[in-house]
N, C-alpha and C. Protein backbone atom coordinates (compact mmCIF):
# COMPACT_ATOMS: atom_id res chain seq x y z
N MET A 1 5.25 -9.33 -13.42
CA MET A 1 4.59 -9.11 -12.16
C MET A 1 3.71 -10.30 -11.83
N GLY A 2 4.33 -11.43 -11.55
CA GLY A 2 3.58 -12.63 -11.27
C GLY A 2 3.21 -12.75 -9.81
N SER A 3 2.44 -13.79 -9.51
CA SER A 3 2.03 -14.05 -8.14
C SER A 3 2.95 -15.07 -7.51
N ILE A 4 3.12 -14.94 -6.21
CA ILE A 4 3.93 -15.87 -5.43
C ILE A 4 2.97 -16.65 -4.55
N ILE A 5 2.97 -17.96 -4.72
CA ILE A 5 2.12 -18.80 -3.87
C ILE A 5 3.03 -19.72 -3.09
N ASP A 6 3.07 -19.53 -1.80
CA ASP A 6 3.89 -20.30 -0.89
C ASP A 6 3.05 -21.47 -0.41
N GLU A 7 3.62 -22.67 -0.36
CA GLU A 7 2.83 -23.84 0.03
C GLU A 7 2.35 -23.77 1.48
N HIS A 8 3.04 -23.01 2.32
CA HIS A 8 2.64 -22.91 3.72
C HIS A 8 1.69 -21.75 3.97
N SER A 9 1.91 -20.64 3.30
CA SER A 9 1.11 -19.45 3.61
C SER A 9 0.18 -19.03 2.48
N GLY A 10 0.09 -19.80 1.41
CA GLY A 10 -0.82 -19.46 0.32
C GLY A 10 -0.43 -18.14 -0.31
N PHE A 11 -1.36 -17.22 -0.36
CA PHE A 11 -1.13 -15.93 -1.00
C PHE A 11 -0.48 -14.92 -0.06
N ASN A 12 -0.18 -15.32 1.17
CA ASN A 12 0.43 -14.41 2.13
C ASN A 12 1.76 -13.86 1.62
N ALA A 13 2.58 -14.70 1.01
CA ALA A 13 3.86 -14.25 0.46
C ALA A 13 3.62 -13.24 -0.66
N ASP A 14 2.60 -13.48 -1.46
CA ASP A 14 2.25 -12.57 -2.55
C ASP A 14 1.85 -11.20 -1.99
N VAL A 15 1.02 -11.20 -0.98
CA VAL A 15 0.56 -9.95 -0.36
C VAL A 15 1.74 -9.21 0.27
N ASN A 16 2.61 -9.94 0.94
CA ASN A 16 3.80 -9.31 1.54
C ASN A 16 4.67 -8.67 0.47
N ALA A 17 4.80 -9.32 -0.68
CA ALA A 17 5.60 -8.76 -1.78
C ALA A 17 4.98 -7.47 -2.29
N TRP A 18 3.65 -7.44 -2.45
CA TRP A 18 2.99 -6.23 -2.94
C TRP A 18 3.03 -5.11 -1.91
N ILE A 19 2.95 -5.45 -0.64
CA ILE A 19 3.08 -4.43 0.41
C ILE A 19 4.49 -3.84 0.36
N GLY A 20 5.49 -4.68 0.15
CA GLY A 20 6.86 -4.20 0.02
C GLY A 20 7.03 -3.26 -1.15
N LYS A 21 6.42 -3.60 -2.29
CA LYS A 21 6.49 -2.74 -3.47
C LYS A 21 5.75 -1.42 -3.24
N ALA A 22 4.62 -1.50 -2.57
CA ALA A 22 3.85 -0.29 -2.27
C ALA A 22 4.62 0.59 -1.29
N ARG A 23 5.29 -0.03 -0.32
CA ARG A 23 6.11 0.73 0.64
C ARG A 23 7.24 1.45 -0.09
N ALA A 24 7.86 0.78 -1.06
CA ALA A 24 8.93 1.40 -1.85
C ALA A 24 8.38 2.59 -2.64
N ALA A 25 7.20 2.43 -3.22
CA ALA A 25 6.57 3.53 -3.97
C ALA A 25 6.27 4.69 -3.03
N TYR A 26 5.78 4.38 -1.84
CA TYR A 26 5.48 5.41 -0.85
C TYR A 26 6.74 6.18 -0.46
N LEU A 27 7.81 5.46 -0.20
CA LEU A 27 9.06 6.10 0.23
C LEU A 27 9.69 6.95 -0.87
N GLN A 28 9.49 6.56 -2.12
CA GLN A 28 10.02 7.36 -3.24
C GLN A 28 9.35 8.72 -3.32
N LEU A 29 8.16 8.83 -2.75
CA LEU A 29 7.40 10.08 -2.80
C LEU A 29 7.49 10.87 -1.49
N LYS A 30 8.52 10.59 -0.70
CA LYS A 30 8.69 11.22 0.61
C LYS A 30 8.64 12.75 0.53
N ASN A 31 9.24 13.33 -0.49
CA ASN A 31 9.22 14.79 -0.62
C ASN A 31 7.81 15.33 -0.85
N ILE A 32 6.98 14.56 -1.52
CA ILE A 32 5.58 14.95 -1.75
C ILE A 32 4.86 15.02 -0.41
N TRP A 33 5.03 13.98 0.41
CA TRP A 33 4.30 13.91 1.69
C TRP A 33 4.72 15.03 2.63
N LYS A 34 5.98 15.48 2.54
CA LYS A 34 6.47 16.54 3.42
C LYS A 34 6.19 17.94 2.89
N SER A 35 5.75 18.03 1.65
CA SER A 35 5.55 19.33 1.01
C SER A 35 4.47 20.15 1.71
N LYS A 36 4.78 21.41 1.93
CA LYS A 36 3.80 22.35 2.50
C LYS A 36 3.01 23.04 1.39
N GLN A 37 3.48 22.90 0.16
CA GLN A 37 2.84 23.58 -0.98
C GLN A 37 1.66 22.80 -1.55
N LEU A 38 1.59 21.51 -1.24
CA LEU A 38 0.50 20.68 -1.75
C LEU A 38 -0.59 20.52 -0.69
N SER A 39 -1.82 20.54 -1.14
CA SER A 39 -2.94 20.35 -0.20
C SER A 39 -3.01 18.88 0.22
N THR A 40 -3.66 18.64 1.32
CA THR A 40 -3.87 17.28 1.80
C THR A 40 -4.64 16.47 0.77
N ASN A 41 -5.64 17.08 0.16
CA ASN A 41 -6.43 16.41 -0.86
C ASN A 41 -5.55 15.95 -2.02
N THR A 42 -4.64 16.80 -2.45
CA THR A 42 -3.73 16.44 -3.55
C THR A 42 -2.81 15.29 -3.13
N LYS A 43 -2.31 15.34 -1.92
CA LYS A 43 -1.44 14.27 -1.43
C LYS A 43 -2.17 12.93 -1.39
N VAL A 44 -3.41 12.94 -0.95
CA VAL A 44 -4.20 11.70 -0.89
C VAL A 44 -4.46 11.19 -2.30
N ARG A 45 -4.72 12.08 -3.23
CA ARG A 45 -4.93 11.66 -4.62
C ARG A 45 -3.65 11.06 -5.21
N ILE A 46 -2.51 11.66 -4.89
CA ILE A 46 -1.23 11.11 -5.34
C ILE A 46 -1.00 9.73 -4.71
N PHE A 47 -1.33 9.60 -3.43
CA PHE A 47 -1.21 8.30 -2.75
C PHE A 47 -2.07 7.25 -3.46
N ASN A 48 -3.31 7.59 -3.75
CA ASN A 48 -4.23 6.64 -4.38
C ASN A 48 -3.76 6.21 -5.77
N THR A 49 -3.17 7.14 -6.51
CA THR A 49 -2.78 6.83 -7.89
C THR A 49 -1.38 6.25 -8.02
N ASN A 50 -0.54 6.40 -6.99
CA ASN A 50 0.84 5.93 -7.11
C ASN A 50 1.23 4.84 -6.12
N VAL A 51 0.57 4.77 -5.00
CA VAL A 51 0.91 3.78 -3.98
C VAL A 51 -0.18 2.72 -3.87
N LYS A 52 -1.40 3.16 -3.70
CA LYS A 52 -2.51 2.22 -3.52
C LYS A 52 -2.68 1.32 -4.74
N ILE A 53 -2.44 1.87 -5.92
CA ILE A 53 -2.57 1.07 -7.13
C ILE A 53 -1.53 -0.06 -7.16
N VAL A 54 -0.33 0.22 -6.65
CA VAL A 54 0.71 -0.82 -6.55
C VAL A 54 0.29 -1.86 -5.52
N LEU A 55 -0.21 -1.39 -4.39
CA LEU A 55 -0.64 -2.29 -3.31
C LEU A 55 -1.71 -3.26 -3.78
N LEU A 56 -2.65 -2.77 -4.55
CA LEU A 56 -3.80 -3.60 -4.93
C LEU A 56 -3.67 -4.25 -6.31
N TYR A 57 -2.50 -4.14 -6.93
CA TYR A 57 -2.30 -4.76 -8.23
C TYR A 57 -2.56 -6.27 -8.13
N ALA A 58 -3.40 -6.78 -8.99
CA ALA A 58 -3.76 -8.20 -9.06
C ALA A 58 -4.50 -8.69 -7.82
N ALA A 59 -5.03 -7.79 -7.01
CA ALA A 59 -5.73 -8.19 -5.79
C ALA A 59 -6.95 -9.05 -6.08
N GLU A 60 -7.53 -8.87 -7.26
CA GLU A 60 -8.72 -9.67 -7.59
C GLU A 60 -8.38 -11.15 -7.72
N THR A 61 -7.10 -11.49 -7.84
CA THR A 61 -6.71 -12.90 -7.94
C THR A 61 -6.34 -13.50 -6.59
N TRP A 62 -6.24 -12.66 -5.55
CA TRP A 62 -5.87 -13.16 -4.23
C TRP A 62 -7.04 -13.85 -3.56
N ARG A 63 -6.74 -14.88 -2.81
CA ARG A 63 -7.75 -15.49 -1.96
C ARG A 63 -7.75 -14.67 -0.67
N THR A 64 -8.67 -13.74 -0.58
CA THR A 64 -8.65 -12.81 0.55
C THR A 64 -9.21 -13.46 1.80
N THR A 65 -8.44 -13.35 2.83
CA THR A 65 -8.86 -13.81 4.15
C THR A 65 -8.94 -12.57 5.04
N LYS A 66 -9.46 -12.76 6.21
CA LYS A 66 -9.54 -11.64 7.16
C LYS A 66 -8.14 -11.13 7.48
N ALA A 67 -7.18 -12.03 7.63
CA ALA A 67 -5.80 -11.64 7.96
C ALA A 67 -5.17 -10.83 6.83
N ILE A 68 -5.39 -11.24 5.59
CA ILE A 68 -4.83 -10.52 4.44
C ILE A 68 -5.47 -9.14 4.33
N THR A 69 -6.78 -9.09 4.47
CA THR A 69 -7.49 -7.81 4.40
C THR A 69 -6.98 -6.87 5.50
N GLN A 70 -6.78 -7.40 6.69
CA GLN A 70 -6.29 -6.59 7.81
C GLN A 70 -4.87 -6.09 7.53
N LYS A 71 -4.02 -6.94 6.98
CA LYS A 71 -2.64 -6.55 6.68
C LYS A 71 -2.60 -5.40 5.68
N ILE A 72 -3.45 -5.48 4.65
CA ILE A 72 -3.53 -4.42 3.64
C ILE A 72 -4.06 -3.14 4.27
N GLN A 73 -5.08 -3.25 5.10
CA GLN A 73 -5.68 -2.09 5.74
C GLN A 73 -4.71 -1.40 6.69
N VAL A 74 -3.92 -2.19 7.41
CA VAL A 74 -2.93 -1.62 8.34
C VAL A 74 -1.91 -0.79 7.56
N PHE A 75 -1.41 -1.33 6.45
CA PHE A 75 -0.45 -0.58 5.64
C PHE A 75 -1.09 0.70 5.10
N ASN A 76 -2.28 0.57 4.55
CA ASN A 76 -2.99 1.71 3.97
C ASN A 76 -3.22 2.80 5.03
N ASN A 77 -3.72 2.41 6.19
CA ASN A 77 -3.99 3.37 7.26
C ASN A 77 -2.71 4.03 7.77
N SER A 78 -1.64 3.25 7.87
CA SER A 78 -0.36 3.79 8.32
C SER A 78 0.13 4.88 7.39
N CYS A 79 0.07 4.62 6.09
CA CYS A 79 0.49 5.63 5.11
C CYS A 79 -0.37 6.88 5.21
N LEU A 80 -1.68 6.70 5.26
CA LEU A 80 -2.58 7.85 5.31
C LEU A 80 -2.39 8.67 6.59
N ARG A 81 -2.14 7.99 7.72
CA ARG A 81 -1.88 8.73 8.97
C ARG A 81 -0.64 9.60 8.84
N LYS A 82 0.39 9.08 8.19
CA LYS A 82 1.62 9.86 8.00
C LYS A 82 1.36 11.04 7.06
N ILE A 83 0.62 10.80 5.99
CA ILE A 83 0.32 11.87 5.04
C ILE A 83 -0.52 12.96 5.71
N LEU A 84 -1.50 12.54 6.50
CA LEU A 84 -2.40 13.48 7.17
C LEU A 84 -1.82 14.03 8.47
N GLN A 85 -0.62 13.56 8.81
CA GLN A 85 0.08 13.97 10.03
C GLN A 85 -0.75 13.68 11.28
N ILE A 86 -1.34 12.51 11.31
CA ILE A 86 -2.09 12.03 12.48
C ILE A 86 -1.21 10.96 13.12
N HIS A 87 -0.67 11.26 14.28
CA HIS A 87 0.28 10.33 14.90
C HIS A 87 -0.32 9.66 16.07
């Protein structure tokens, strides 16, 4: 699980790769998000432990810019809106 540093975009390629991996983790849990038997609180906890952890893996090594922070926040908010059924 190494970092990707692109000479043109710096850590942007790395962040895009982790967002892609987090999106894959999110999609694998599609049945969880649609479940009527699980509480919203449980779904958010599952999101934090299975998706958000993938998204933020090695984040402490990223050179965070406003654009990178915004990109991560957009993905995070999008997932949570779907889980919470806020469209």
